Amino acid sequence: MQILKKEMTIPKNHEIRIKIPDNFTENENVEVIIIKPDKGQSYQDKISLLKSAMKDKGYLNDIKEIENDFTAIDLENWN
């Protein structure tokens, strides 16, 4: 797998052109992902969300389920 990462500013016309390196094969399928960071939350808001997760029953049940799934694996080959 080859990864090409480039950060860009969204232009006024909302169009982005991507220069593909020459070592990529023509007509080969590639996956293009556009990630827009969420800048709406402050650091303090994020910390508050993390703290609230410690009391969220659904989240805690998910964590417990994951712990149970890996209990047997964690005990293997530790002799």
N, C-alpha and C. Protein backbone atom coordinates (compact mmCIF):
# COMPACT_ATOMS: atom_id res chain seq x y z
N MET A 1 0.85 -1.18 0.00
CA MET A 1 0.00 0.00 0.00
C MET A 1 0.89 1.24 0.00
N GLN A 2 0.56 2.15 -0.83
CA GLN A 2 1.25 3.43 -0.87
C GLN A 2 0.28 4.51 -0.42
N ILE A 3 0.78 5.44 0.36
CA ILE A 3 -0.07 6.51 0.88
C ILE A 3 0.50 7.85 0.45
N LEU A 4 -0.36 8.67 -0.06
CA LEU A 4 0.00 10.03 -0.46
C LEU A 4 -0.85 10.97 0.39
N LYS A 5 -0.21 11.80 1.20
CA LYS A 5 -0.95 12.71 2.07
C LYS A 5 -0.57 14.14 1.72
N LYS A 6 -1.58 14.98 1.60
CA LYS A 6 -1.34 16.38 1.32
C LYS A 6 -2.42 17.19 2.00
N GLU A 7 -2.02 18.16 2.79
CA GLU A 7 -2.99 19.04 3.43
C GLU A 7 -3.21 20.25 2.54
N MET A 8 -4.46 20.64 2.40
CA MET A 8 -4.81 21.73 1.50
C MET A 8 -5.84 22.65 2.17
N THR A 9 -5.94 23.85 1.64
CA THR A 9 -6.99 24.77 2.02
C THR A 9 -8.07 24.71 0.96
N ILE A 10 -9.31 24.70 1.38
CA ILE A 10 -10.41 24.61 0.41
C ILE A 10 -10.46 25.91 -0.38
N PRO A 11 -10.34 25.81 -1.71
CA PRO A 11 -10.39 27.01 -2.54
C PRO A 11 -11.83 27.52 -2.68
N LYS A 12 -11.94 28.74 -3.17
CA LYS A 12 -13.25 29.38 -3.32
C LYS A 12 -14.21 28.56 -4.18
N ASN A 13 -13.70 27.91 -5.22
CA ASN A 13 -14.56 27.13 -6.10
C ASN A 13 -14.84 25.71 -5.57
N HIS A 14 -14.27 25.36 -4.41
CA HIS A 14 -14.47 24.06 -3.76
C HIS A 14 -14.04 22.88 -4.64
N GLU A 15 -13.04 23.09 -5.46
CA GLU A 15 -12.51 22.01 -6.28
C GLU A 15 -11.04 21.81 -5.95
N ILE A 16 -10.65 20.55 -5.84
CA ILE A 16 -9.26 20.21 -5.53
C ILE A 16 -8.75 19.28 -6.62
N ARG A 17 -7.58 19.57 -7.14
CA ARG A 17 -6.93 18.69 -8.12
C ARG A 17 -5.80 17.97 -7.42
N ILE A 18 -5.65 16.71 -7.74
CA ILE A 18 -4.62 15.88 -7.10
C ILE A 18 -3.63 15.42 -8.16
N LYS A 19 -2.37 15.73 -7.97
CA LYS A 19 -1.30 15.25 -8.86
C LYS A 19 -0.90 13.87 -8.35
N ILE A 20 -1.08 12.88 -9.19
CA ILE A 20 -0.76 11.49 -8.84
C ILE A 20 0.70 11.22 -9.23
N PRO A 21 1.49 10.66 -8.31
CA PRO A 21 2.89 10.35 -8.62
C PRO A 21 3.01 9.40 -9.81
N ASP A 22 4.10 9.50 -10.53
CA ASP A 22 4.32 8.70 -11.73
C ASP A 22 4.39 7.19 -11.45
N ASN A 23 4.76 6.80 -10.23
CA ASN A 23 4.89 5.37 -9.94
C ASN A 23 3.55 4.70 -9.66
N PHE A 24 2.43 5.44 -9.72
CA PHE A 24 1.11 4.86 -9.62
C PHE A 24 0.70 4.40 -11.02
N THR A 25 0.18 3.18 -11.11
CA THR A 25 -0.19 2.61 -12.40
C THR A 25 -1.46 3.26 -12.96
N GLU A 26 -1.40 3.58 -14.24
CA GLU A 26 -2.56 4.18 -14.91
C GLU A 26 -3.74 3.22 -14.88
N ASN A 27 -4.95 3.75 -14.71
CA ASN A 27 -6.21 3.01 -14.65
C ASN A 27 -6.33 2.12 -13.41
N GLU A 28 -5.44 2.26 -12.47
CA GLU A 28 -5.53 1.51 -11.22
C GLU A 28 -6.51 2.23 -10.29
N ASN A 29 -7.32 1.47 -9.57
CA ASN A 29 -8.25 2.08 -8.62
C ASN A 29 -7.51 2.55 -7.38
N VAL A 30 -7.87 3.73 -6.90
CA VAL A 30 -7.32 4.28 -5.67
C VAL A 30 -8.47 4.77 -4.81
N GLU A 31 -8.21 4.95 -3.54
CA GLU A 31 -9.21 5.44 -2.61
C GLU A 31 -8.82 6.87 -2.22
N VAL A 32 -9.76 7.79 -2.36
CA VAL A 32 -9.52 9.18 -2.00
C VAL A 32 -10.39 9.49 -0.78
N ILE A 33 -9.77 9.98 0.28
CA ILE A 33 -10.49 10.29 1.52
C ILE A 33 -10.24 11.76 1.84
N ILE A 34 -11.30 12.48 2.11
CA ILE A 34 -11.18 13.88 2.51
C ILE A 34 -11.61 13.96 3.97
N ILE A 35 -10.74 14.46 4.82
CA ILE A 35 -11.01 14.56 6.26
C ILE A 35 -11.04 16.04 6.64
N LYS A 36 -12.14 16.46 7.20
CA LYS A 36 -12.26 17.83 7.68
C LYS A 36 -12.23 17.79 9.20
N PRO A 37 -11.15 18.31 9.79
CA PRO A 37 -11.06 18.30 11.26
C PRO A 37 -12.20 19.11 11.88
N ASP A 38 -12.69 18.63 13.00
CA ASP A 38 -13.73 19.34 13.72
C ASP A 38 -13.07 20.37 14.63
N LYS A 39 -13.13 21.60 14.24
CA LYS A 39 -12.50 22.66 15.03
C LYS A 39 -13.51 23.36 15.93
N GLY A 40 -14.72 22.80 16.01
CA GLY A 40 -15.77 23.42 16.79
C GLY A 40 -15.65 23.16 18.28
N GLN A 41 -14.90 22.14 18.66
CA GLN A 41 -14.78 21.80 20.07
C GLN A 41 -13.46 22.30 20.63
N SER A 42 -13.54 22.89 21.79
CA SER A 42 -12.32 23.32 22.46
C SER A 42 -11.69 22.13 23.17
N TYR A 43 -10.48 22.29 23.60
CA TYR A 43 -9.78 21.25 24.34
C TYR A 43 -10.58 20.89 25.59
N GLN A 44 -11.09 21.89 26.26
CA GLN A 44 -11.84 21.66 27.50
C GLN A 44 -13.12 20.87 27.22
N ASP A 45 -13.78 21.16 26.10
CA ASP A 45 -14.98 20.41 25.72
C ASP A 45 -14.65 18.94 25.49
N LYS A 46 -13.53 18.68 24.85
CA LYS A 46 -13.12 17.30 24.58
C LYS A 46 -12.82 16.56 25.89
N ILE A 47 -12.14 17.24 26.81
CA ILE A 47 -11.84 16.64 28.12
C ILE A 47 -13.14 16.32 28.86
N SER A 48 -14.10 17.22 28.79
CA SER A 48 -15.40 16.99 29.44
C SER A 48 -16.09 15.76 28.87
N LEU A 49 -16.03 15.60 27.54
CA LEU A 49 -16.63 14.42 26.91
C LEU A 49 -15.94 13.13 27.36
N LEU A 50 -14.62 13.18 27.46
CA LEU A 50 -13.89 11.99 27.92
C LEU A 50 -14.27 11.65 29.36
N LYS A 51 -14.40 12.67 30.20
CA LYS A 51 -14.78 12.43 31.60
C LYS A 51 -16.20 11.87 31.69
N SER A 52 -17.09 12.35 30.85
CA SER A 52 -18.47 11.85 30.89
C SER A 52 -18.55 10.41 30.41
N ALA A 53 -17.61 9.99 29.57
CA ALA A 53 -17.59 8.60 29.09
C ALA A 53 -17.37 7.63 30.24
N MET A 54 -16.66 8.06 31.28
CA MET A 54 -16.38 7.20 32.44
C MET A 54 -17.66 6.84 33.19
N LYS A 55 -18.75 7.57 32.94
CA LYS A 55 -20.03 7.31 33.62
C LYS A 55 -21.10 6.78 32.65
N ASP A 56 -20.75 6.68 31.38
CA ASP A 56 -21.70 6.24 30.35
C ASP A 56 -21.82 4.71 30.38
N LYS A 57 -23.02 4.21 30.72
CA LYS A 57 -23.19 2.76 30.87
C LYS A 57 -22.95 2.00 29.57
N GLY A 58 -23.38 2.56 28.45
CA GLY A 58 -23.16 1.91 27.16
C GLY A 58 -21.68 1.78 26.84
N TYR A 59 -20.95 2.86 27.07
CA TYR A 59 -19.50 2.86 26.83
C TYR A 59 -18.81 1.85 27.75
N LEU A 60 -19.17 1.88 29.04
CA LEU A 60 -18.54 0.98 30.00
C LEU A 60 -18.85 -0.49 29.66
N ASN A 61 -20.07 -0.75 29.19
CA ASN A 61 -20.41 -2.12 28.78
C ASN A 61 -19.58 -2.55 27.58
N ASP A 62 -19.37 -1.65 26.63
CA ASP A 62 -18.54 -1.96 25.47
C ASP A 62 -17.11 -2.28 25.89
N ILE A 63 -16.56 -1.48 26.80
CA ILE A 63 -15.18 -1.71 27.29
C ILE A 63 -15.09 -3.06 28.00
N LYS A 64 -16.08 -3.38 28.83
CA LYS A 64 -16.10 -4.66 29.54
C LYS A 64 -16.16 -5.82 28.56
N GLU A 65 -16.96 -5.68 27.51
CA GLU A 65 -17.08 -6.72 26.49
C GLU A 65 -15.74 -6.94 25.78
N ILE A 66 -15.05 -5.87 25.47
CA ILE A 66 -13.74 -5.98 24.83
C ILE A 66 -12.74 -6.65 25.77
N GLU A 67 -12.77 -6.28 27.05
CA GLU A 67 -11.89 -6.92 28.04
C GLU A 67 -12.14 -8.43 28.08
N ASN A 68 -13.42 -8.81 28.09
CA ASN A 68 -13.77 -10.23 28.13
C ASN A 68 -13.30 -10.96 26.87
N ASP A 69 -13.41 -10.30 25.73
CA ASP A 69 -12.98 -10.91 24.47
C ASP A 69 -11.49 -11.22 24.47
N PHE A 70 -10.70 -10.39 25.15
CA PHE A 70 -9.25 -10.55 25.11
C PHE A 70 -8.67 -11.23 26.35
N THR A 71 -9.49 -11.62 27.29
CA THR A 71 -8.99 -12.25 28.52
C THR A 71 -8.17 -13.50 28.21
N ALA A 72 -8.69 -14.38 27.38
CA ALA A 72 -7.98 -15.62 27.06
C ALA A 72 -6.70 -15.34 26.30
N ILE A 73 -6.74 -14.40 25.41
CA ILE A 73 -5.55 -14.07 24.60
C ILE A 73 -4.45 -13.49 25.50
N ASP A 74 -4.84 -12.65 26.44
CA ASP A 74 -3.85 -12.03 27.32
C ASP A 74 -3.10 -13.05 28.16
N LEU A 75 -3.72 -14.18 28.44
CA LEU A 75 -3.10 -15.20 29.28
C LEU A 75 -2.19 -16.14 28.50
N GLU A 76 -2.26 -16.11 27.17
CA GLU A 76 -1.46 -17.01 26.36
C GLU A 76 0.00 -16.58 26.32
N ASN A 77 0.89 -17.55 26.32
CA ASN A 77 2.33 -17.35 26.13
C ASN A 77 2.97 -16.37 27.09
N TRP A 78 2.49 -16.31 28.33
CA TRP A 78 3.12 -15.41 29.31
C TRP A 78 3.90 -16.21 30.36
N ASN A 79 4.20 -17.46 30.07
CA ASN A 79 4.93 -18.29 31.04
C ASN A 79 6.41 -17.99 30.99
